[in-house]
């Protein structure tokens, strides 16, 4: 190093000044827009599990380093710290670019306008500046003691470099494990996981999705329960049908239709009855009558139904099956639903059937739990959604004069609706997670995706409102997400690598 002391000191001053400007500007920008900064970190695939303390720690560390660089006595420590921090930022960008499809930017200020390649070049430049400043300082006569000191310093720089990279890689590994297996209610939103395909105006409200196939969607109507609309999955053609019943003089009160090709089922658990018919002619004959009352029902196969009923012993919710062959058999599984408060409201939830894996899924409305059972209702395992509410937060009042129980306050709904396809459980979330914005919550619905066989959370995505109306029902078939609104139906394509 043959540079004069004046030139060396001048270069060191410039490097320190550049770092001071960078860190003070970045820290102040983060703190001024702190909520947004924290939200962006929460969506990061690398730091989401640690977004709470990192969101405070980063700007504070940046300001402390800037102070160290401002005082000549502490500049060497400050440059080592700046070098380490910029190596961490650079490693973060490399991981983001190479291993994740979710690429949030949380730099603050005008730095957010840089694309990731520009960010990478910018960071590498500042890493080199810090390294240059360290070497110039160490060759200042004020700091140099011997050649051995140079070797020790070079080793120190190398250790700082490697340890900084290791810290970020470790955070990434830990964050991935926490998000997927021990989530503390931080959602992962990949970059554009769904794209809109088609939209169809239904003209009228009150529709629900009665069933779905690879190429067709079947819509029932609450106000006209015998009317069915069949729409191709591309939403280009629409046909209407009217179900004809073999016995129509029953006291129907809660009619719904379920489709599981090649059959359709018209059910009313208050009668109780189940009609079954063929999709080719939409004629249905009475299949089960007056055997067991039920609240919810889903076809398992051509001979059996999964139901949620009320136990005659304790008047609590119970899951069961109806098997209809030569004789009708009803089998209840009272051990499945776990009572927390009253055994009725607290165990309310969504009952669905997964045709691909032959599994019955039941997801509680008011707690973060779902059940996976085989088609005989033998429990496979209990899984958990990422919400932290493990006990139903409801208030139940008993009206003794009428021998009735009612909710005395609006309940906190954790899981609104569910759908399933393949290994995946799709949950329409009822609550906003950590580091999420109310703006996005107000203008969209959030779907959380789980691998229910592995009991792991995968990712989440937004389903946008349509004409200020939220989604009312949904289904998934292969890579197509079908969303139903009051007056419209929309299909989205799910980007398959979002599951990875």
Protein backbone atom coordinates (compact mmCIF):
# COMPACT_ATOMS: atom_id res chain seq x y z
CA UNK A 1 0.00 0.00 0.00
CA UNK A 2 1.95 2.98 -1.27
CA UNK A 3 -0.85 5.50 -0.99
CA UNK A 4 -0.07 8.57 1.05
CA UNK A 5 -1.72 8.92 4.44
CA UNK A 6 -3.78 11.84 3.15
CA UNK A 7 -5.23 9.85 0.24
CA UNK A 8 -5.88 6.83 2.49
CA UNK A 9 -7.68 8.94 5.05
CA UNK A 10 -9.65 10.67 2.31
CA UNK A 11 -10.82 7.35 0.84
CA UNK A 12 -11.73 6.06 4.32
CA UNK A 13 -13.69 9.25 5.02
CA UNK A 14 -15.61 8.89 1.74
CA UNK A 15 -16.40 5.20 2.41
CA UNK A 16 -17.61 5.96 5.93
CA UNK A 17 -19.67 8.91 4.71
CA UNK A 18 -21.34 6.76 2.02
CA UNK A 19 -22.19 4.11 4.60
CA UNK A 20 -23.51 6.70 7.05
CA UNK A 21 -25.76 8.17 4.37
CA UNK A 22 -26.93 4.72 3.28
CA UNK A 23 -27.70 3.37 6.75
CA UNK A 24 -29.28 6.53 8.15
CA UNK A 25 -31.46 6.94 5.05
CA UNK A 26 -32.46 3.27 5.02
CA UNK A 27 -33.15 3.15 8.77
CA UNK A 28 -35.23 6.34 8.80
CA UNK A 29 -37.18 5.19 5.73
CA UNK A 30 -38.00 1.89 7.46
CA UNK A 31 -39.06 3.58 10.69
CA UNK A 32 -41.22 6.19 8.93
CA UNK A 33 -43.06 3.43 7.08
CA UNK A 34 -42.65 0.85 9.81
CA UNK A 35 -45.96 -0.97 9.40
CA UNK A 36 -45.34 -1.56 5.71
CA UNK A 37 -41.74 -2.61 6.42
CA UNK A 38 -42.94 -5.14 8.98
CA UNK A 39 -45.59 -6.49 6.60
CA UNK A 40 -42.99 -6.94 3.85
CA UNK A 41 -40.70 -8.83 6.21
CA UNK A 42 -43.65 -10.95 7.26
CA UNK A 43 -44.11 -12.04 3.64
CA UNK A 44 -40.43 -12.78 3.17
CA UNK A 45 -39.66 -16.48 2.62
CA UNK A 46 -36.45 -16.01 4.59
CA UNK A 47 -37.36 -13.90 7.59
CA UNK A 48 -41.13 -14.20 8.04
CA UNK A 49 -40.87 -16.26 11.23
CA UNK A 50 -38.55 -13.63 12.75
CA UNK A 51 -40.22 -10.53 11.32
CA UNK A 52 -41.09 -9.13 14.76
CA UNK A 53 -37.60 -8.63 16.15
CA UNK A 54 -35.87 -8.23 12.77
CA UNK A 55 -38.15 -5.31 11.85
CA UNK A 56 -36.89 -3.43 14.93
CA UNK A 57 -33.38 -4.83 14.95
CA UNK A 58 -32.31 -3.92 11.41
CA UNK A 59 -32.93 -0.13 11.54
CA UNK A 60 -31.50 0.06 15.08
CA UNK A 61 -28.34 -1.78 14.02
CA UNK A 62 -28.03 0.44 10.94
CA UNK A 63 -28.16 3.57 13.11
CA UNK A 64 -25.65 2.16 15.61
CA UNK A 65 -23.22 1.29 12.80
CA UNK A 66 -23.65 4.81 11.40
CA UNK A 67 -22.68 6.24 14.82
CA UNK A 68 -19.61 4.00 15.00
CA UNK A 69 -18.52 5.16 11.55
CA UNK A 70 -18.98 8.76 12.59
CA UNK A 71 -16.45 8.47 15.44
CA UNK A 72 -12.85 7.89 14.19
CA UNK A 73 -12.00 5.81 17.25
CA UNK A 74 -14.68 3.21 16.42
CA UNK A 75 -14.44 3.22 12.63
CA UNK A 76 -12.71 -0.14 12.35
CA UNK A 77 -15.45 -1.81 14.39
CA UNK A 78 -18.04 0.10 12.38
CA UNK A 79 -16.58 -1.02 9.05
CA UNK A 80 -16.47 -4.65 10.16
CA UNK A 81 -20.10 -4.37 11.27
CA UNK A 82 -21.07 -2.66 8.00
CA UNK A 83 -19.20 -5.33 6.02
CA UNK A 84 -21.02 -8.09 7.93
CA UNK A 85 -24.45 -6.49 7.53
CA UNK A 86 -24.02 -5.91 3.79
CA UNK A 87 -22.83 -9.50 3.32
CA UNK A 88 -26.01 -10.62 5.09
CA UNK A 89 -28.16 -8.41 2.84
CA UNK A 90 -26.36 -9.76 -0.24
CA UNK A 91 -26.83 -13.38 0.86
CA UNK A 92 -30.51 -12.64 1.47
CA UNK A 93 -30.92 -11.39 -2.11
CA UNK A 94 -29.12 -14.41 -3.56
CA UNK A 95 -31.43 -16.79 -1.66
CA UNK A 96 -34.48 -14.78 -2.70
CA UNK A 97 -33.49 -14.90 -6.36
CA UNK A 98 -32.51 -18.57 -6.47
CA UNK A 99 -34.70 -20.41 -4.00
CA UNK A 100 -37.96 -18.55 -3.64
CA UNK A 101 -40.80 -17.37 -5.84
CA UNK A 102 -41.86 -14.80 -3.24
CA UNK A 103 -39.68 -11.73 -3.58
CA UNK A 104 -40.73 -8.87 -1.31
CA UNK A 105 -38.58 -5.77 -1.06
CA UNK A 106 -38.19 -4.16 2.34
CA UNK A 107 -35.24 -1.82 1.83
CA UNK A 108 -37.13 1.42 2.33
CA UNK A 109 -37.17 4.68 0.41
CA UNK A 110 -35.98 4.96 -3.17
CA UNK A 111 -33.99 1.72 -2.79
CA UNK A 112 -37.27 -0.16 -3.25
CA UNK A 113 -37.34 1.06 -6.85
CA UNK A 114 -34.29 -1.06 -7.70
CA UNK A 115 -34.93 -4.49 -9.18
CA UNK A 116 -33.26 -7.46 -7.53
CA UNK A 117 -30.33 -7.61 -9.94
CA UNK A 118 -29.63 -3.92 -9.32
CA UNK A 119 -29.95 -4.57 -5.59
CA UNK A 120 -27.39 -7.34 -5.85
CA UNK A 121 -24.88 -5.18 -7.73
CA UNK A 122 -25.48 -2.30 -5.32
CA UNK A 123 -24.87 -4.50 -2.29
CA UNK A 124 -21.75 -6.13 -3.72
CA UNK A 125 -20.35 -2.66 -4.42
CA UNK A 126 -20.85 -1.66 -0.78
CA UNK A 127 -19.36 -4.95 0.44
CA UNK A 128 -16.23 -4.13 -1.57
CA UNK A 129 -16.21 -0.58 -0.20
CA UNK A 130 -16.31 -1.87 3.38
CA UNK A 131 -13.54 -4.38 2.64
CA UNK A 132 -11.44 -1.61 1.10
CA UNK A 133 -12.01 0.63 4.10
CA UNK A 134 -11.00 -2.13 6.51
CA UNK A 135 -7.78 -2.86 4.65
CA UNK A 136 -6.88 0.84 4.37
CA UNK A 137 -7.50 1.36 8.08
CA UNK A 138 -5.40 -1.64 9.02
CA UNK A 139 -2.52 -0.39 6.93
CA UNK A 140 -2.70 2.97 8.63
CA UNK A 141 0.40 3.23 10.84
CA UNK A 142 -1.89 4.00 13.73
CA UNK A 143 -3.26 0.41 13.54
CA UNK A 144 -0.46 -1.67 12.03
CA UNK A 145 1.73 -3.62 14.45
CA UNK A 146 3.28 -6.39 12.37
CA UNK A 147 2.86 -8.64 9.37
CA UNK A 148 1.15 -11.15 11.66
CA UNK A 149 -1.50 -8.55 12.36
CA UNK A 150 -2.22 -8.37 8.62
CA UNK A 151 -2.66 -12.17 8.51
CA UNK A 152 -4.89 -12.12 11.58
CA UNK A 153 -6.95 -9.34 10.04
CA UNK A 154 -7.37 -11.20 6.77
CA UNK A 155 -8.53 -14.26 8.73
CA UNK A 156 -10.92 -12.05 10.69
CA UNK A 157 -12.40 -10.68 7.47
CA UNK A 158 -12.80 -14.20 6.10
CA UNK A 159 -14.44 -15.43 9.30
CA UNK A 160 -16.75 -12.40 9.29
CA UNK A 161 -17.71 -13.11 5.67
CA UNK A 162 -18.42 -16.80 6.23
CA UNK A 163 -20.22 -16.33 9.54
CA UNK A 164 -22.46 -13.60 8.07
CA UNK A 165 -23.44 -15.91 5.21
CA UNK A 166 -24.01 -18.76 7.68
CA UNK A 167 -26.30 -16.64 9.87
CA UNK A 168 -28.59 -15.80 6.95
CA UNK A 169 -28.66 -19.39 5.68
CA UNK A 170 -29.47 -20.61 9.20
CA UNK A 171 -32.28 -18.06 9.52
CA UNK A 172 -33.68 -19.24 6.20
CA UNK A 173 -33.65 -22.90 7.27
CA UNK A 174 -35.18 -22.13 10.67
CA UNK A 175 -37.82 -19.84 9.19
CA UNK A 176 -38.90 -22.47 6.65
CA UNK A 177 -39.24 -25.07 9.40
CA UNK A 178 -41.20 -22.74 11.68
CA UNK A 179 -43.55 -21.55 8.93
CA UNK A 180 -44.40 -25.05 7.72
CA UNK A 181 -44.48 -26.94 11.02
CA UNK A 182 -44.70 -24.55 14.00
CA UNK A 183 -46.35 -21.52 12.47
CA UNK A 184 -47.11 -18.55 14.73
CA UNK A 185 -49.81 -17.20 12.39
CA UNK A 186 -47.57 -15.73 9.72
CA UNK A 187 -48.82 -16.43 6.23
CA UNK A 188 -46.60 -17.07 3.22
CA UNK A 189 -47.80 -15.34 0.05
CA UNK A 190 -45.92 -16.50 -3.07
CA UNK A 191 -45.52 -14.16 -6.01
CA UNK A 192 -48.70 -14.29 -8.16
CA UNK A 193 -49.80 -17.84 -7.19
CA UNK A 194 -53.09 -17.54 -9.10
CA UNK A 195 -54.06 -15.84 -12.35
CA UNK A 196 -57.58 -15.14 -13.53
CA UNK A 197 -58.83 -17.27 -16.41
CA UNK A 198 -62.50 -16.59 -17.06
CA UNK A 199 -65.59 -14.95 -15.60
CA UNK A 200 -69.29 -15.63 -16.15
CA UNK A 201 -72.26 -13.49 -15.13
CA UNK A 202 -74.89 -15.68 -13.42
CA UNK A 203 -77.55 -12.92 -13.49
CA UNK A 204 -79.02 -14.09 -10.16
CA UNK A 205 -77.70 -14.69 -6.62
CA UNK A 206 -78.26 -17.57 -4.15
CA UNK A 207 -76.06 -20.11 -5.93
CA UNK A 208 -73.75 -22.59 -4.27
CA UNK A 209 -71.33 -25.13 -5.74
CA UNK A 210 -72.96 -28.56 -5.65
CA UNK A 211 -70.00 -30.37 -7.17
CA UNK A 212 -67.10 -30.17 -9.55
CA UNK A 213 -65.41 -32.40 -12.11
CA UNK A 214 -62.38 -31.91 -14.30
CA UNK A 215 -64.48 -30.29 -17.02
CA UNK A 216 -67.70 -29.20 -15.27
CA UNK A 217 -69.00 -27.16 -12.37
CA UNK A 218 -72.45 -27.89 -10.91
CA UNK A 219 -74.35 -25.05 -9.25
CA UNK A 220 -77.32 -25.47 -6.95
CA UNK A 221 -79.63 -22.67 -5.84
CA UNK A 222 -80.88 -22.10 -2.30
CA UNK A 223 -84.04 -20.34 -3.51
CA UNK A 224 -84.83 -22.85 -6.27
CA UNK A 225 -83.49 -26.13 -4.81
CA UNK A 226 -84.55 -28.33 -7.76
CA UNK A 227 -82.80 -26.18 -10.34
CA UNK A 228 -79.26 -27.04 -11.40
CA UNK A 229 -76.87 -25.16 -13.67
CA UNK A 230 -74.01 -27.06 -15.33
CA UNK A 231 -71.12 -24.92 -16.58
CA UNK A 232 -68.01 -26.08 -18.40
CA UNK A 233 -64.76 -25.38 -16.56
CA UNK A 234 -63.84 -22.76 -19.16
CA UNK A 235 -67.09 -20.88 -18.32
CA UNK A 236 -68.09 -20.80 -21.98
CA UNK A 237 -71.26 -22.93 -21.96
CA UNK A 238 -74.09 -23.11 -19.47
CA UNK A 239 -77.03 -25.53 -19.28
CA UNK A 240 -79.98 -25.59 -16.91
CA UNK A 241 -81.76 -28.66 -15.56
CA UNK A 242 -84.66 -29.36 -13.22
CA UNK A 243 -84.44 -32.32 -10.87
CA UNK A 244 -87.46 -34.63 -10.92
CA UNK A 245 -88.14 -36.49 -7.68
CA UNK A 246 -89.88 -39.84 -7.28
CA UNK A 247 -91.54 -38.48 -4.13
CA UNK A 248 -92.05 -34.74 -3.84
CA UNK A 249 -94.59 -34.41 -1.02
CA UNK A 250 -92.09 -34.56 1.83
CA UNK A 251 -91.76 -31.70 4.37
CA UNK A 252 -88.59 -30.24 2.85
CA UNK A 253 -86.94 -27.42 4.75
CA UNK A 254 -83.22 -27.49 3.96
CA UNK A 255 -82.66 -28.98 0.53
CA UNK A 256 -79.20 -29.14 -1.02
CA UNK A 257 -77.68 -31.03 -3.94
CA UNK A 258 -74.38 -32.88 -4.00
CA UNK A 259 -72.74 -34.17 -7.18
CA UNK A 260 -70.31 -37.07 -7.30
CA UNK A 261 -70.20 -38.41 -10.83
CA UNK A 262 -72.01 -40.37 -12.18
CA UNK A 263 -74.60 -39.62 -9.48
CA UNK A 264 -76.21 -36.62 -7.88
CA UNK A 265 -77.86 -36.54 -4.48
CA UNK A 266 -80.64 -34.34 -3.15
CA UNK A 267 -80.46 -34.24 0.62
CA UNK A 268 -82.47 -32.77 3.46
CA UNK A 269 -81.39 -33.83 6.92
CA UNK A 270 -84.45 -32.27 8.55
CA UNK A 271 -86.88 -34.70 6.88
CA UNK A 272 -84.58 -36.74 6.87
CA UNK A 273 -84.08 -38.02 3.33
CA UNK A 274 -81.55 -38.62 0.58
CA UNK A 275 -82.54 -38.93 -3.07
CA UNK A 276 -80.12 -40.34 -5.61
CA UNK A 277 -80.19 -39.98 -9.37
CA UNK A 278 -78.09 -40.22 -12.50
CA UNK A 279 -76.52 -37.17 -14.10
CA UNK A 280 -77.74 -38.31 -17.51
CA UNK A 281 -81.44 -37.62 -16.84
CA UNK A 282 -81.61 -35.71 -13.51
CA UNK A 283 -84.29 -38.06 -12.16
CA UNK A 284 -83.90 -38.97 -8.49
CA UNK A 285 -85.47 -41.77 -6.46
CA UNK A 286 -85.76 -41.92 -2.69
CA UNK A 287 -82.61 -43.59 -1.39
CA UNK A 288 -82.87 -43.06 2.38
CA UNK A 289 -85.88 -41.91 4.36
CA UNK A 290 -86.60 -41.41 8.04
CA UNK A 291 -83.55 -43.25 9.37
CA UNK A 292 -81.29 -40.58 10.87
CA UNK A 293 -81.51 -36.81 11.10
CA UNK A 294 -78.40 -34.94 10.03
CA UNK A 295 -77.15 -31.39 9.61
CA UNK A 296 -74.43 -31.92 7.02
CA UNK A 297 -73.89 -34.67 4.47
CA UNK A 298 -71.32 -35.53 1.82
CA UNK A 299 -71.28 -38.57 -0.51
CA UNK A 300 -68.36 -40.94 0.00
CA UNK A 301 -69.19 -43.43 -2.73
CA UNK A 302 -72.27 -44.87 -4.41
CA UNK A 303 -73.24 -46.73 -1.22
CA UNK A 304 -72.31 -44.44 1.66
CA UNK A 305 -72.59 -40.90 2.99
CA UNK A 306 -70.61 -39.02 5.62
CA UNK A 307 -72.86 -37.03 7.92
CA UNK A 308 -72.80 -34.78 10.94
CA UNK A 309 -75.73 -35.48 13.19
CA UNK A 310 -76.80 -34.82 16.78
CA UNK A 311 -76.38 -37.59 19.32
CA UNK A 312 -79.59 -38.80 20.92
CA UNK A 313 -77.63 -39.54 24.11
CA UNK A 314 -76.10 -36.17 24.93
CA UNK A 315 -77.52 -33.93 22.17
CA UNK A 316 -74.03 -33.03 20.97
CA UNK A 317 -72.65 -33.02 17.44
CA UNK A 318 -71.38 -36.35 16.17
CA UNK A 319 -69.88 -37.54 12.90
CA UNK A 320 -71.15 -40.70 11.27
CA UNK A 321 -71.79 -42.63 8.09
CA UNK A 322 -74.89 -43.90 6.35
CA UNK A 323 -74.37 -47.05 4.29
CA UNK A 324 -77.18 -47.94 1.92
CA UNK A 325 -77.01 -51.35 0.32
CA UNK A 326 -79.53 -54.12 0.89
CA UNK A 327 -80.16 -52.58 4.29
CA UNK A 328 -79.50 -49.11 5.67
CA UNK A 329 -76.78 -48.96 8.32
CA UNK A 330 -75.97 -45.92 10.42
CA UNK A 331 -72.64 -45.82 12.21
CA UNK A 332 -71.71 -42.97 14.53
CA UNK A 333 -68.20 -42.02 15.67
CA UNK A 334 -68.68 -39.99 18.88
CA UNK A 335 -64.96 -40.03 19.67
CA UNK A 336 -64.03 -37.77 16.76
CA UNK A 337 -65.48 -34.36 17.65
CA UNK A 338 -63.93 -33.03 20.86
CA UNK A 339 -66.16 -30.96 23.12
CA UNK A 340 -64.69 -27.76 24.56
CA UNK A 341 -67.73 -25.81 25.73
CA UNK A 342 -71.13 -27.22 24.79
CA UNK A 343 -70.42 -29.90 22.19
CA UNK A 344 -72.68 -28.20 19.65
CA UNK A 345 -71.55 -24.73 18.66
CA UNK A 346 -67.92 -25.36 19.59
CA UNK A 347 -67.73 -28.43 17.32
CA UNK A 348 -69.45 -26.84 14.34
CA UNK A 349 -67.47 -26.98 11.13
CA UNK A 350 -67.09 -27.97 7.47
CA UNK A 351 -67.48 -31.57 6.32
CA UNK A 352 -65.94 -32.50 2.95
CA UNK A 353 -64.74 -35.64 1.17
CA UNK A 354 -61.50 -36.08 -0.74
CA UNK A 355 -62.16 -38.43 -3.67
CA UNK A 356 -58.52 -38.78 -4.69
CA UNK A 357 -57.27 -40.11 -1.33
CA UNK A 358 -60.60 -41.46 -0.03
CA UNK A 359 -60.48 -39.29 3.08
CA UNK A 360 -63.18 -37.51 5.08
CA UNK A 361 -62.07 -34.07 6.29
CA UNK A 362 -63.74 -32.05 9.02
CA UNK A 363 -62.50 -28.53 9.81
CA UNK A 364 -63.77 -26.67 12.87
CA UNK A 365 -65.16 -23.18 12.38
CA UNK A 366 -64.02 -21.75 15.70
CA UNK A 367 -60.64 -23.36 16.40
CA UNK A 368 -57.44 -24.12 14.52
CA UNK A 369 -57.99 -27.83 13.96
CA UNK A 370 -59.09 -30.27 11.29
CA UNK A 371 -59.67 -34.03 11.32
CA UNK A 372 -58.50 -36.48 8.67
CA UNK A 373 -60.42 -39.78 8.63
CA UNK A 374 -60.65 -42.73 6.27
CA UNK A 375 -63.94 -43.44 4.53
CA UNK A 376 -65.07 -45.57 7.50
CA UNK A 377 -64.46 -42.60 9.83
CA UNK A 378 -61.41 -44.11 11.50
CA UNK A 379 -59.22 -41.22 12.58
CA UNK A 380 -55.98 -40.89 10.60
CA UNK A 381 -54.75 -37.81 12.44
CA UNK A 382 -55.67 -34.36 13.67
CA UNK A 383 -54.09 -31.39 11.93
CA UNK A 384 -53.88 -27.72 12.79
CA UNK A 385 -54.36 -24.56 10.79
CA UNK A 386 -51.90 -21.71 11.32
CA UNK A 387 -54.24 -19.60 13.43
CA UNK A 388 -53.35 -19.57 17.13
CA UNK A 389 -56.92 -20.02 18.45
CA UNK A 390 -56.95 -23.57 19.80
CA UNK A 391 -60.06 -23.13 21.95
CA UNK A 392 -63.36 -21.89 20.50
CA UNK A 393 -64.00 -18.29 21.54
CA UNK A 394 -67.77 -18.39 21.75
CA UNK A 395 -70.38 -17.49 24.36
CA UNK A 396 -73.35 -19.83 24.70
CA UNK A 397 -76.53 -19.00 26.58
CA UNK A 398 -79.15 -21.56 27.56
CA UNK A 399 -82.81 -20.51 27.39
CA UNK A 400 -84.28 -22.86 29.97
CA UNK A 401 -87.92 -22.02 29.21
CA UNK A 402 -87.42 -23.30 25.67
CA UNK A 403 -84.69 -25.82 26.44
CA UNK A 404 -82.52 -24.15 23.79
CA UNK A 405 -78.94 -22.98 23.56
CA UNK A 406 -77.94 -19.95 21.51
CA UNK A 407 -74.82 -17.94 20.82
CA UNK A 408 -75.02 -14.82 23.00
CA UNK A 409 -72.26 -12.95 21.12
CA UNK A 410 -70.86 -13.06 17.59
CA UNK A 411 -68.31 -15.90 17.44
CA UNK A 412 -64.75 -15.56 16.20
CA UNK A 413 -64.64 -17.61 13.00
CA UNK A 414 -61.23 -19.12 12.34
CA UNK A 415 -61.99 -21.23 9.26
CA UNK A 416 -64.92 -20.20 7.06
CA UNK A 417 -65.04 -22.71 4.21
CA UNK A 418 -62.94 -25.56 2.92
CA UNK A 419 -62.26 -27.48 -0.27
CA UNK A 420 -59.88 -30.30 -1.11
CA UNK A 421 -58.09 -31.86 -4.04
CA UNK A 422 -55.20 -34.31 -4.03
CA UNK A 423 -53.12 -33.96 -0.87
CA UNK A 424 -54.29 -30.42 -0.32
CA UNK A 425 -56.77 -28.77 2.00
CA UNK A 426 -57.82 -25.25 1.02
CA UNK A 427 -59.19 -23.14 3.87
CA UNK A 428 -61.00 -19.83 3.47
CA UNK A 429 -59.46 -17.97 6.39
CA UNK A 430 -61.61 -16.12 8.87
CA UNK A 431 -58.94 -14.06 10.60
CA UNK A 432 -56.17 -11.72 9.52
CA UNK A 433 -52.67 -12.99 10.26
CA UNK A 434 -49.64 -11.18 11.59
CA UNK A 435 -47.98 -8.59 9.33
CA UNK A 436 -50.97 -8.40 6.99
CA UNK A 437 -52.68 -5.21 5.89
CA UNK A 438 -56.33 -4.41 6.50
CA UNK A 439 -56.50 -2.99 2.98
CA UNK A 440 -55.78 -6.38 1.38
CA UNK A 441 -58.08 -8.09 3.86
CA UNK A 442 -60.95 -5.76 2.96
CA UNK A 443 -60.62 -6.18 -0.80
CA UNK A 444 -59.99 -9.92 -1.00
CA UNK A 445 -60.48 -13.33 0.61
CA UNK A 446 -57.51 -15.31 1.88
CA UNK A 447 -57.06 -19.00 1.11
CA UNK A 448 -54.60 -21.02 3.20
CA UNK A 449 -53.24 -24.19 1.62
CA UNK A 450 -52.16 -27.25 3.62
CA UNK A 451 -50.79 -30.68 2.82
CA UNK A 452 -53.25 -32.45 5.11
CA UNK A 453 -51.49 -35.81 4.86
CA UNK A 454 -48.23 -34.31 6.16
CA UNK A 455 -50.01 -31.83 8.45
CA UNK A 456 -47.99 -28.93 7.04
CA UNK A 457 -48.90 -25.41 5.99
CA UNK A 458 -47.73 -24.59 2.46
CA UNK A 459 -48.76 -21.08 1.40
CA UNK A 460 -51.63 -18.62 1.10
CA UNK A 461 -53.08 -16.50 -1.66
CA UNK A 462 -55.56 -13.68 -2.15
CA UNK A 463 -58.80 -14.15 -4.07
CA UNK A 464 -59.86 -10.61 -5.05
CA UNK A 465 -63.34 -9.26 -4.45
CA UNK A 466 -65.59 -8.87 -7.46
CA UNK A 467 -67.66 -5.68 -7.63
CA UNK A 468 -66.92 -5.14 -3.93
CA UNK A 469 -68.38 -8.56 -3.10
CA UNK A 470 -66.37 -11.26 -1.37
CA UNK A 471 -66.26 -14.85 -2.56
CA UNK A 472 -69.20 -16.92 -1.26
CA UNK A 473 -68.06 -20.45 -2.18
CA UNK A 474 -65.16 -22.19 -3.91
CA UNK A 475 -63.83 -25.50 -5.20
CA UNK A 476 -60.53 -26.77 -6.58
CA UNK A 477 -59.94 -29.31 -9.33
CA UNK A 478 -56.37 -30.02 -10.43
CA UNK A 479 -54.82 -26.57 -11.04
CA UNK A 480 -58.12 -24.69 -11.38
CA UNK A 481 -59.57 -22.63 -8.53
CA UNK A 482 -63.29 -21.91 -8.96
CA UNK A 483 -64.64 -18.93 -6.99
CA UNK A 484 -68.34 -18.17 -6.66
CA UNK A 485 -69.66 -14.66 -5.99
CA UNK A 486 -73.18 -13.32 -5.55
CA UNK A 487 -73.79 -12.85 -9.26
CA UNK A 488 -70.72 -14.33 -10.93
CA UNK A 489 -68.42 -17.31 -11.14
CA UNK A 490 -64.69 -16.92 -11.82
CA UNK A 491 -61.94 -19.44 -12.53
CA UNK A 492 -58.29 -18.94 -11.64
CA UNK A 493 -55.25 -20.99 -12.58
CA UNK A 494 -53.07 -22.04 -9.66
CA UNK A 495 -49.37 -21.88 -10.40
CA UNK A 496 -48.32 -25.44 -9.57
CA UNK A 497 -44.82 -24.57 -8.37
CA UNK A 498 -46.43 -22.52 -5.60
CA UNK A 499 -46.93 -25.83 -3.77
CA UNK A 500 -43.18 -26.40 -3.61
